[in-house]
Amino acid sequence: MKKILVVLMILSVAGGVFAQEGSWSVGGSAEMATNMNFHSGYGDDDDQKALIGGHAYNRYGWYGDITGNVDLNYNRGGFNGWIGLNNADGITFGATYDGGNYMFQAESSFMNLIAAENDPGRLWGYYKLLDDLLHLEVAFNSRDTNFWISSEVVGEVFAKDELLDNRDWGIGWGFASVDHHTYLLMDFNLESIAGMPINLGFMLPGVFLRTGHHGNGTGGAAIGDGPGEWWSTNPAGYHPSMTDDYQTSLLKSTFKSMILGFKADISGIEAALQYNLGARALYFGAKMGIDNISIGLSAELYLKYEDEDWGAKRDDMNGAFGLKVGFGDGPLGASLGLGLRFYGEENKGAILGFNPNVTYMLFDQNIRIQLDAGFWMDMQEGLEDKVSFTFMPELMWNLTGAPWCYWCVGTGFIFRYKFASWYGTTIFNAFDVTFKFSF
């Protein structure tokens, strides 16, 4: 009780001080969704063939909930502080400060503050040194971003659909895609020297690991670990380098898991390259645009290796290649992604992937109609059913602006149908409606 009173007193005094300068704002949102599942998988009884219940738009991606929140924000110069009330996450609060050549963010929950648990929702910051030549970033629990990345067509073809989750197809986003991770990163901006945008750097994972770092989104997971047993099931994954101790191996788990990155923009062609020392894996991506046409390509390759320190090896190289061509003209947009996923292991063969997408905007761009689909053909010998596919038409109606994506819809509706088949077996046959409100 005393802790609560102290917190309330601090907030009261801070509110009086802040009220003299700066600006306050209040915002909020709510999301409710329902899912009508016509393929429950629970049996053939009439009352079990079709089910209905609460849902969330991102539930297909294994997160999200029916929720509502109110946020109170305070801004003064480079400082932004907020308190959020959410029926699913409770009370959260945080602050960001942008000092021009440095920036940091910290956020936590009210329950962690009361319990004095050192488990922040975010805690990261960076410095810009030597006239922006060096970007030095440290993260105990990182922001959501991706370094040294260009085209992600391999991920879009083979990993963006939850149909493929946990089925050894989850590759394509590079190795420096972070969200709630822990690392130290140095990125050198060489534009002033080379006369064109060029970035070169490295990431050291696990630098701030502690007990409790045991997964993505749970308090700062390590990224790009060494080729231990984890790499046999999820070679690109977010796995911790330590188990029960507060420290991990400096050489085996950090320096041997270093990620090297390069990115450049040369005459309108953007290109990026990453190498993951721990996974012995290479990413390459490039993209460019010509009038209304966009072209992107990417590749991820997992090389053959043998590591005596880890007692692990990869007998054959495997990976994926992808190419995407897009077209946009006014309200119409279309793209086609093509990919090849190949395996070095005997009798694993290869998988061909296709990802067509068409969108059209209506009524001053308040309504977006989209058709997204994926088709995959497994070339492995001896399979009776070689084809898997997903088909998902969607209508977004935003009452407050242009509905470019789920996050862009402030107040409106999203209608979506999804059908998916995995090697001849129906996985999804469902219709969902999402209702969103905001102020």
Protein backbone atom coordinates (compact mmCIF):
# COMPACT_ATOMS: atom_id res chain seq x y z
CA MET A 1 0.00 0.00 0.00
CA LYS A 2 2.85 2.38 0.86
CA LYS A 3 4.45 1.79 -2.55
CA ILE A 4 1.17 2.65 -4.30
CA LEU A 5 0.81 5.88 -2.29
CA VAL A 6 4.39 6.88 -3.10
CA VAL A 7 3.81 6.26 -6.80
CA LEU A 8 0.59 8.28 -6.77
CA MET A 9 2.31 11.14 -4.94
CA ILE A 10 5.15 11.19 -7.48
CA LEU A 11 2.68 11.23 -10.36
CA SER A 12 0.73 14.04 -8.74
CA VAL A 13 3.83 16.21 -8.22
CA ALA A 14 5.12 15.40 -11.72
CA GLY A 15 1.75 16.32 -13.19
CA GLY A 16 1.89 19.73 -11.50
CA VAL A 17 5.37 20.41 -12.84
CA PHE A 18 4.63 19.17 -16.35
CA ALA A 19 1.44 21.20 -16.54
CA GLN A 20 3.51 24.40 -16.61
CA GLU A 21 5.20 23.58 -19.93
CA GLY A 22 4.82 21.14 -22.78
CA SER A 23 1.60 19.67 -24.12
CA TRP A 24 -0.75 16.90 -23.08
CA SER A 25 -2.83 14.65 -25.31
CA VAL A 26 -5.25 11.79 -24.78
CA GLY A 27 -5.96 8.98 -27.22
CA GLY A 28 -7.48 5.58 -27.21
CA SER A 29 -8.58 2.62 -29.29
CA ALA A 30 -10.58 -0.58 -29.11
CA GLU A 31 -10.68 -3.75 -31.17
CA MET A 32 -13.29 -6.49 -31.17
CA ALA A 33 -13.38 -9.36 -33.63
CA THR A 34 -15.30 -12.54 -34.22
CA ASN A 35 -14.28 -15.65 -36.12
CA MET A 36 -16.70 -18.07 -37.79
CA ASN A 37 -14.76 -21.30 -38.19
CA PHE A 38 -16.30 -23.69 -40.70
CA HIS A 39 -13.58 -26.30 -40.23
CA SER A 40 -13.27 -26.79 -36.50
CA GLY A 41 -11.53 -30.15 -36.63
CA TYR A 42 -13.44 -31.29 -33.53
CA GLY A 43 -15.63 -33.87 -35.24
CA ASP A 44 -18.52 -34.47 -37.62
CA ASP A 45 -21.38 -33.59 -35.27
CA ASP A 46 -23.57 -30.84 -36.64
CA ASP A 47 -22.98 -28.64 -33.59
CA GLN A 48 -19.19 -28.96 -33.99
CA LYS A 49 -18.75 -28.47 -37.72
CA ALA A 50 -19.04 -24.67 -37.49
CA LEU A 51 -17.97 -22.63 -34.47
CA ILE A 52 -17.95 -18.93 -33.60
CA GLY A 53 -16.10 -16.97 -30.94
CA GLY A 54 -13.91 -14.04 -30.01
CA HIS A 55 -10.96 -13.31 -32.24
CA ALA A 56 -8.31 -10.70 -33.11
CA TYR A 57 -7.05 -9.65 -36.52
CA ASN A 58 -3.48 -10.79 -35.80
CA ARG A 59 -4.52 -14.01 -34.07
CA TYR A 60 -3.60 -15.94 -37.21
CA GLY A 61 -0.06 -14.80 -36.43
CA TRP A 62 -0.42 -16.13 -32.86
CA TYR A 63 -0.89 -12.83 -31.02
CA GLY A 64 -3.56 -10.22 -30.40
CA ASP A 65 -6.74 -10.10 -28.35
CA ILE A 66 -10.05 -8.31 -27.92
CA THR A 67 -8.85 -5.19 -26.21
CA GLY A 68 -9.35 -1.51 -25.45
CA ASN A 69 -6.92 1.11 -24.21
CA VAL A 70 -6.59 4.76 -23.25
CA ASP A 71 -3.25 6.58 -23.47
CA LEU A 72 -2.19 9.81 -21.79
CA ASN A 73 0.80 11.48 -23.49
CA TYR A 74 3.05 14.37 -22.50
CA ASN A 75 5.46 16.05 -24.92
CA ARG A 76 8.10 18.65 -24.24
CA GLY A 77 10.93 19.20 -26.72
CA GLY A 78 12.58 15.85 -27.39
CA PHE A 79 10.81 14.21 -24.44
CA ASN A 80 7.70 12.05 -24.75
CA GLY A 81 6.15 10.27 -21.78
CA TRP A 82 2.99 8.22 -21.63
CA ILE A 83 0.74 6.13 -19.42
CA GLY A 84 -1.49 3.50 -20.99
CA LEU A 85 -4.51 1.71 -19.56
CA ASN A 86 -5.25 -1.55 -21.38
CA ASN A 87 -7.74 -4.24 -20.37
CA ALA A 88 -5.37 -6.97 -21.60
CA ASP A 89 -1.95 -5.57 -20.61
CA GLY A 90 -2.94 -3.59 -17.50
CA ILE A 91 -1.20 -0.28 -16.79
CA THR A 92 1.92 0.47 -18.79
CA PHE A 93 4.08 3.57 -18.88
CA GLY A 94 7.25 4.72 -20.54
CA ALA A 95 9.35 7.55 -21.87
CA THR A 96 11.40 8.34 -24.95
CA TYR A 97 13.92 11.12 -25.26
CA ASP A 98 15.44 12.27 -28.55
CA GLY A 99 18.48 14.44 -27.96
CA GLY A 100 19.43 14.70 -31.61
CA ASN A 101 22.72 12.82 -31.43
CA TYR A 102 21.39 10.30 -28.93
CA MET A 103 18.05 8.68 -28.09
CA PHE A 104 16.72 6.17 -25.59
CA GLN A 105 13.46 4.51 -24.59
CA ALA A 106 12.29 2.80 -21.43
CA GLU A 107 8.90 1.30 -20.69
CA SER A 108 7.46 -1.08 -18.14
CA SER A 109 4.22 -2.08 -16.45
CA PHE A 110 2.70 -0.87 -13.21
CA MET A 111 2.78 -4.37 -11.72
CA ASN A 112 6.52 -4.69 -12.40
CA LEU A 113 7.09 -1.35 -10.71
CA ILE A 114 5.13 -2.35 -7.61
CA ALA A 115 6.87 -5.73 -7.42
CA ALA A 116 10.26 -4.08 -8.12
CA GLU A 117 10.89 -6.58 -10.92
CA ASN A 118 13.60 -5.60 -13.35
CA ASP A 119 11.67 -6.72 -16.41
CA PRO A 120 11.17 -3.71 -18.72
CA GLY A 121 8.97 -3.94 -21.79
CA ARG A 122 11.59 -1.93 -23.71
CA LEU A 123 14.98 -0.59 -22.74
CA TRP A 124 17.32 0.53 -25.50
CA GLY A 125 19.19 3.56 -26.78
CA TYR A 126 21.70 4.78 -29.31
CA TYR A 127 24.36 7.42 -29.86
CA LYS A 128 25.30 9.14 -33.12
CA LEU A 129 29.01 9.92 -32.92
CA LEU A 130 31.69 11.56 -35.08
CA ASP A 131 29.25 13.71 -37.08
CA ASP A 132 26.88 10.77 -37.65
CA LEU A 133 29.68 8.55 -38.90
CA LEU A 134 29.01 5.99 -36.15
CA HIS A 135 25.66 4.70 -34.89
CA LEU A 136 26.20 2.86 -31.59
CA GLU A 137 23.09 1.09 -30.25
CA VAL A 138 22.68 -0.95 -27.08
CA ALA A 139 19.57 -2.90 -26.20
CA PHE A 140 18.57 -4.74 -23.07
CA ASN A 141 15.07 -5.19 -24.54
CA SER A 142 15.10 -3.75 -28.02
CA ARG A 143 12.83 -1.78 -30.32
CA ASP A 144 11.14 -3.42 -33.33
CA THR A 145 13.30 -2.85 -36.42
CA ASN A 146 15.49 -4.57 -39.00
CA PHE A 147 19.07 -3.58 -39.81
CA TRP A 148 20.90 -3.89 -43.17
CA ILE A 149 17.81 -5.20 -44.94
CA SER A 150 16.48 -4.73 -48.46
CA SER A 151 14.05 -7.02 -50.29
CA GLU A 152 12.36 -9.67 -48.12
CA VAL A 153 10.67 -11.62 -50.89
CA VAL A 154 11.94 -14.98 -49.57
CA GLY A 155 10.16 -14.28 -46.29
CA GLU A 156 7.04 -13.06 -48.09
CA VAL A 157 6.82 -16.25 -50.14
CA PHE A 158 7.87 -18.82 -47.54
CA ALA A 159 7.40 -17.35 -44.08
CA LYS A 160 4.75 -14.63 -43.88
CA ASP A 161 1.81 -17.01 -43.67
CA GLU A 162 1.07 -18.74 -40.39
CA LEU A 163 0.31 -21.87 -42.42
CA LEU A 164 4.08 -22.26 -42.69
CA ASP A 165 5.03 -21.43 -39.10
CA ASN A 166 7.15 -24.06 -37.34
CA ARG A 167 7.47 -26.13 -40.51
CA ASP A 168 11.12 -25.32 -41.32
CA TRP A 169 10.09 -22.76 -43.93
CA GLY A 170 10.49 -19.75 -41.62
CA ILE A 171 13.33 -17.98 -43.40
CA GLY A 172 13.71 -14.83 -45.43
CA TRP A 173 13.85 -11.84 -43.06
CA GLY A 174 17.62 -11.70 -42.66
CA PHE A 175 19.36 -12.16 -39.31
CA ALA A 176 19.16 -8.66 -37.80
CA SER A 177 15.37 -8.40 -37.43
CA VAL A 178 14.94 -7.48 -33.76
CA ASP A 179 11.99 -7.06 -31.41
CA HIS A 180 12.58 -7.46 -27.65
CA HIS A 181 16.16 -8.64 -28.22
CA THR A 182 19.44 -7.90 -26.49
CA TYR A 183 22.58 -6.84 -28.37
CA LEU A 184 25.27 -4.25 -29.00
CA LEU A 185 25.37 -2.82 -32.52
CA MET A 186 27.81 -0.58 -34.38
CA ASP A 187 26.86 0.80 -37.78
CA PHE A 188 29.16 3.06 -39.79
CA ASN A 189 27.53 5.57 -42.15
CA LEU A 190 30.12 6.03 -44.90
CA GLU A 191 28.15 8.42 -47.13
CA SER A 192 30.37 11.40 -46.29
CA ILE A 193 33.42 9.35 -47.34
CA ALA A 194 32.08 7.35 -50.29
CA GLY A 195 29.75 10.02 -51.69
CA MET A 196 26.78 7.61 -51.68
CA PRO A 197 24.63 5.95 -48.99
CA ILE A 198 26.72 3.07 -47.64
CA ASN A 199 26.36 1.45 -44.21
CA LEU A 200 28.66 -1.18 -42.76
CA GLY A 201 28.50 -2.67 -39.27
CA PHE A 202 28.10 -5.58 -36.90
CA MET A 203 25.82 -6.84 -34.14
CA LEU A 204 26.92 -8.70 -31.02
CA PRO A 205 23.99 -10.66 -29.54
CA GLY A 206 23.55 -11.59 -25.89
CA VAL A 207 25.66 -8.75 -24.48
CA PHE A 208 23.06 -7.89 -21.79
CA LEU A 209 21.64 -11.36 -21.22
CA ARG A 210 20.30 -12.20 -17.80
CA THR A 211 18.12 -14.88 -16.23
CA GLY A 212 14.64 -14.56 -17.69
CA HIS A 213 15.80 -13.94 -21.24
CA HIS A 214 14.14 -17.00 -22.66
CA GLY A 215 12.32 -16.07 -25.83
CA ASN A 216 11.25 -13.42 -28.28
CA GLY A 217 8.93 -10.91 -26.66
CA THR A 218 9.69 -12.06 -23.12
CA GLY A 219 12.45 -9.76 -22.03
CA GLY A 220 15.37 -9.49 -24.41
CA ALA A 221 16.14 -12.70 -26.24
CA ALA A 222 19.50 -13.22 -27.90
CA ILE A 223 19.52 -13.13 -31.67
CA GLY A 224 21.78 -15.13 -33.96
CA ASP A 225 23.13 -17.69 -31.50
CA GLY A 226 25.78 -20.24 -32.28
CA PRO A 227 25.00 -23.44 -34.17
CA GLY A 228 23.96 -25.52 -31.18
CA GLU A 229 20.97 -27.84 -31.17
CA TRP A 230 18.62 -24.91 -31.87
CA TRP A 231 19.90 -24.55 -35.42
CA SER A 232 18.67 -27.99 -36.39
CA THR A 233 15.04 -26.87 -36.04
CA ASN A 234 15.01 -23.11 -36.56
CA PRO A 235 18.23 -21.88 -38.16
CA ALA A 236 17.18 -18.22 -38.29
CA GLY A 237 15.56 -18.18 -34.87
CA TYR A 238 15.50 -16.05 -31.76
CA HIS A 239 17.05 -18.26 -29.10
CA PRO A 240 18.86 -17.49 -25.85
CA SER A 241 22.56 -18.18 -25.46
CA MET A 242 22.30 -18.97 -21.77
CA THR A 243 20.11 -21.07 -19.51
CA ASP A 244 20.28 -20.58 -15.76
CA ASP A 245 23.20 -18.23 -15.23
CA TYR A 246 23.59 -14.48 -15.58
CA GLN A 247 26.42 -14.77 -18.07
CA THR A 248 27.21 -16.63 -21.24
CA SER A 249 30.32 -17.55 -23.20
CA LEU A 250 32.02 -14.45 -24.60
CA LEU A 251 33.62 -16.35 -27.46
CA LYS A 252 31.19 -19.18 -28.23
CA SER A 253 27.89 -17.40 -27.67
CA THR A 254 28.64 -13.77 -28.53
CA PHE A 255 31.62 -13.27 -30.83
CA LYS A 256 31.02 -16.53 -32.69
CA SER A 257 27.39 -15.45 -33.14
CA MET A 258 28.26 -12.01 -34.53
CA ILE A 259 26.17 -10.69 -37.42
CA LEU A 260 27.92 -8.62 -40.08
CA GLY A 261 25.87 -6.22 -42.20
CA PHE A 262 26.27 -4.06 -45.31
CA LYS A 263 23.78 -1.83 -47.12
CA ALA A 264 24.17 0.61 -50.02
CA ASP A 265 22.10 2.62 -52.47
CA ILE A 266 23.91 2.88 -55.80
CA SER A 267 22.22 4.77 -58.65
CA GLY A 268 18.75 3.93 -57.38
CA ILE A 269 19.51 0.26 -56.68
CA GLU A 270 19.33 -0.65 -53.01
CA ALA A 271 21.35 -3.69 -51.96
CA ALA A 272 22.03 -5.34 -48.59
CA LEU A 273 24.19 -8.19 -47.36
CA GLN A 274 24.33 -9.99 -43.99
CA TYR A 275 26.44 -12.82 -42.68
CA ASN A 276 25.54 -14.73 -39.52
CA LEU A 277 28.73 -16.24 -38.11
CA GLY A 278 26.88 -18.49 -35.67
CA ALA A 279 24.47 -19.98 -38.18
CA ARG A 280 27.02 -19.95 -41.03
CA ALA A 281 24.31 -18.25 -43.06
CA LEU A 282 24.22 -15.54 -45.72
CA TYR A 283 21.46 -13.09 -46.66
CA PHE A 284 21.40 -10.97 -49.81
CA GLY A 285 18.67 -8.60 -50.97
CA ALA A 286 18.23 -5.89 -53.59
CA LYS A 287 15.40 -3.81 -55.01
CA MET A 288 14.78 -0.99 -57.47
CA GLY A 289 11.93 0.91 -59.10
CA ILE A 290 11.33 1.99 -62.70
CA ASP A 291 8.28 4.23 -63.18
CA ASN A 292 5.32 2.14 -61.92
CA ILE A 293 7.31 -1.09 -61.74
CA SER A 294 9.21 -2.36 -58.69
CA ILE A 295 11.60 -5.30 -58.68
CA GLY A 296 13.05 -7.09 -55.66
CA LEU A 297 15.14 -10.19 -55.13
CA SER A 298 16.62 -11.88 -52.09
CA ALA A 299 18.35 -15.05 -50.99
CA GLU A 300 19.18 -16.83 -47.73
CA LEU A 301 21.77 -19.57 -47.78
CA TYR A 302 22.74 -21.87 -44.90
CA LEU A 303 26.22 -23.13 -45.62
CA LYS A 304 27.81 -26.48 -44.96
CA TYR A 305 29.95 -26.45 -41.80
CA GLU A 306 31.31 -28.42 -38.87
CA ASP A 307 31.94 -26.78 -35.49
CA GLU A 308 34.00 -28.76 -32.99
CA ASP A 309 33.29 -26.31 -30.13
CA TRP A 310 29.55 -26.83 -30.45
CA GLY A 311 29.77 -30.41 -31.63
CA ALA A 312 27.41 -29.47 -34.44
CA LYS A 313 27.50 -29.58 -38.22
CA ARG A 314 25.43 -29.04 -41.35
CA ASP A 315 26.18 -31.71 -43.94
CA ASP A 316 24.76 -29.88 -46.97
CA MET A 317 23.94 -26.32 -47.93
CA ASN A 318 20.27 -25.34 -48.02
CA GLY A 319 18.37 -22.10 -48.46
CA ALA A 320 15.99 -20.16 -50.65
CA PHE A 321 15.88 -17.65 -53.51
CA GLY A 322 13.09 -15.22 -54.34
CA LEU A 323 12.07 -12.68 -56.99
CA LYS A 324 9.19 -10.19 -56.78
CA VAL A 325 7.75 -7.87 -59.43
CA GLY A 326 5.20 -5.23 -58.46
CA PHE A 327 3.03 -2.72 -60.31
CA GLY A 328 1.18 0.33 -59.02
CA ASP A 329 -1.02 2.81 -60.88
CA GLY A 330 -3.41 5.01 -58.92
CA PRO A 331 -5.86 2.86 -56.95
CA LEU A 332 -4.56 -0.42 -58.40
CA GLY A 333 -1.62 -2.37 -57.05
CA ALA A 334 -0.41 -5.87 -57.91
CA SER A 335 2.63 -8.03 -57.26
CA LEU A 336 3.87 -11.54 -57.84
CA GLY A 337 6.51 -13.20 -55.69
CA LEU A 338 8.30 -16.36 -56.84
CA GLY A 339 10.54 -18.50 -54.66
CA LEU A 340 12.56 -21.69 -54.55
CA ARG A 341 13.31 -23.40 -51.24
CA PHE A 342 15.93 -26.12 -51.62
CA TYR A 343 17.30 -28.68 -49.19
CA GLY A 344 20.67 -30.38 -49.22
CA GLU A 345 19.48 -33.41 -47.29
CA GLU A 346 18.85 -36.56 -49.26
CA ASN A 347 15.24 -37.05 -50.45
CA LYS A 348 14.13 -33.61 -49.19
CA GLY A 349 13.94 -32.16 -52.71
CA ALA A 350 12.81 -28.56 -53.23
CA ILE A 351 9.68 -26.42 -52.88
CA LEU A 352 8.41 -23.91 -55.43
CA GLY A 353 6.44 -20.98 -54.01
CA PHE A 354 4.16 -18.34 -55.58
CA ASN A 355 2.69 -15.30 -53.81
CA PRO A 356 0.27 -13.22 -55.95
CA ASN A 357 -1.31 -10.12 -54.43
CA VAL A 358 -3.81 -7.61 -55.87
CA THR A 359 -5.21 -4.51 -54.14
CA TYR A 360 -7.70 -1.86 -55.24
CA MET A 361 -8.78 1.34 -53.46
CA LEU A 362 -12.34 2.71 -53.61
CA PHE A 363 -14.25 5.81 -52.50
CA ASP A 364 -11.37 8.26 -52.09
CA GLN A 365 -9.23 5.45 -50.71
CA ASN A 366 -11.49 4.77 -47.72
CA ILE A 367 -11.99 1.16 -48.80
CA ARG A 368 -9.25 -1.27 -49.77
CA ILE A 369 -10.02 -4.61 -51.41
CA GLN A 370 -7.19 -7.12 -51.36
CA LEU A 371 -6.66 -10.64 -52.60
CA ASP A 372 -3.61 -12.38 -51.18
CA ALA A 373 -2.73 -15.96 -51.99
CA GLY A 374 0.10 -18.45 -51.67
CA PHE A 375 0.82 -21.63 -53.59
CA TRP A 376 3.58 -24.12 -52.81
CA MET A 377 4.58 -27.25 -54.71
CA ASP A 378 6.79 -29.79 -52.96
CA MET A 379 9.04 -31.51 -55.48
CA GLN A 380 10.02 -34.31 -53.08
CA GLU A 381 9.59 -37.73 -54.61
CA GLY A 382 6.97 -40.14 -53.31
CA LEU A 383 4.41 -37.57 -52.14
CA GLU A 384 0.80 -38.25 -53.05
CA ASP A 385 -0.23 -34.63 -52.44
CA LYS A 386 2.41 -32.13 -53.47
CA VAL A 387 0.44 -28.87 -53.40
CA SER A 388 -0.36 -26.58 -50.47
CA PHE A 389 -2.12 -23.24 -50.79
CA THR A 390 -3.83 -20.38 -48.99
CA PHE A 391 -6.45 -17.99 -50.35
CA MET A 392 -7.44 -14.84 -48.47
CA PRO A 393 -9.69 -12.05 -49.84
CA GLU A 394 -10.06 -9.05 -47.54
CA LEU A 395 -11.95 -5.76 -47.39
CA MET A 396 -10.76 -2.91 -45.16
CA TRP A 397 -13.13 0.01 -44.63
CA ASN A 398 -11.51 2.88 -42.77
CA LEU A 399 -13.86 5.66 -41.68
CA THR A 400 -10.99 8.02 -40.82
CA GLY A 401 -8.51 7.77 -43.69
CA ALA A 402 -6.75 5.49 -46.17
CA PRO A 403 -6.62 1.84 -45.01
CA TRP A 404 -3.19 0.89 -46.30
CA CYS A 405 -2.80 -1.79 -43.63
CA TYR A 406 -4.26 -3.12 -40.39
CA TRP A 407 -2.37 -0.54 -38.31
CA CYS A 408 -3.65 2.28 -40.54
CA VAL A 409 -7.31 1.56 -39.78
CA GLY A 410 -8.23 3.77 -36.83
CA THR A 411 -12.01 3.43 -36.91
CA GLY A 412 -13.66 1.00 -39.28
CA PHE A 413 -14.22 -2.62 -40.26
CA ILE A 414 -12.13 -5.44 -41.68
CA PHE A 415 -13.85 -8.36 -43.39
CA ARG A 416 -11.69 -11.36 -44.23
CA TYR A 417 -12.11 -14.92 -45.45
CA LYS A 418 -9.35 -17.50 -45.32
CA PHE A 419 -9.09 -20.95 -46.83
CA ALA A 420 -5.90 -22.97 -46.63
CA SER A 421 -4.88 -26.51 -47.49
CA TRP A 422 -1.70 -28.24 -46.37
CA TYR A 423 -0.69 -31.23 -48.53
CA GLY A 424 -4.33 -31.99 -49.29
CA THR A 425 -5.62 -31.43 -45.75
CA THR A 426 -7.83 -28.42 -45.01
CA ILE A 427 -6.23 -26.26 -42.31
CA PHE A 428 -8.36 -23.10 -42.42
CA ASN A 429 -11.89 -22.38 -43.61
CA ALA A 430 -12.98 -19.32 -41.68
CA PHE A 431 -14.52 -15.87 -41.97
CA ASP A 432 -13.65 -13.14 -39.48
CA VAL A 433 -14.82 -9.57 -38.92
CA THR A 434 -12.80 -6.99 -36.97
CA PHE A 435 -14.35 -3.81 -35.55
CA LYS A 436 -11.90 -1.00 -34.69
CA PHE A 437 -12.49 2.30 -32.88
CA SER A 438 -10.12 5.15 -32.06
CA PHE A 439 -10.03 8.76 -30.91
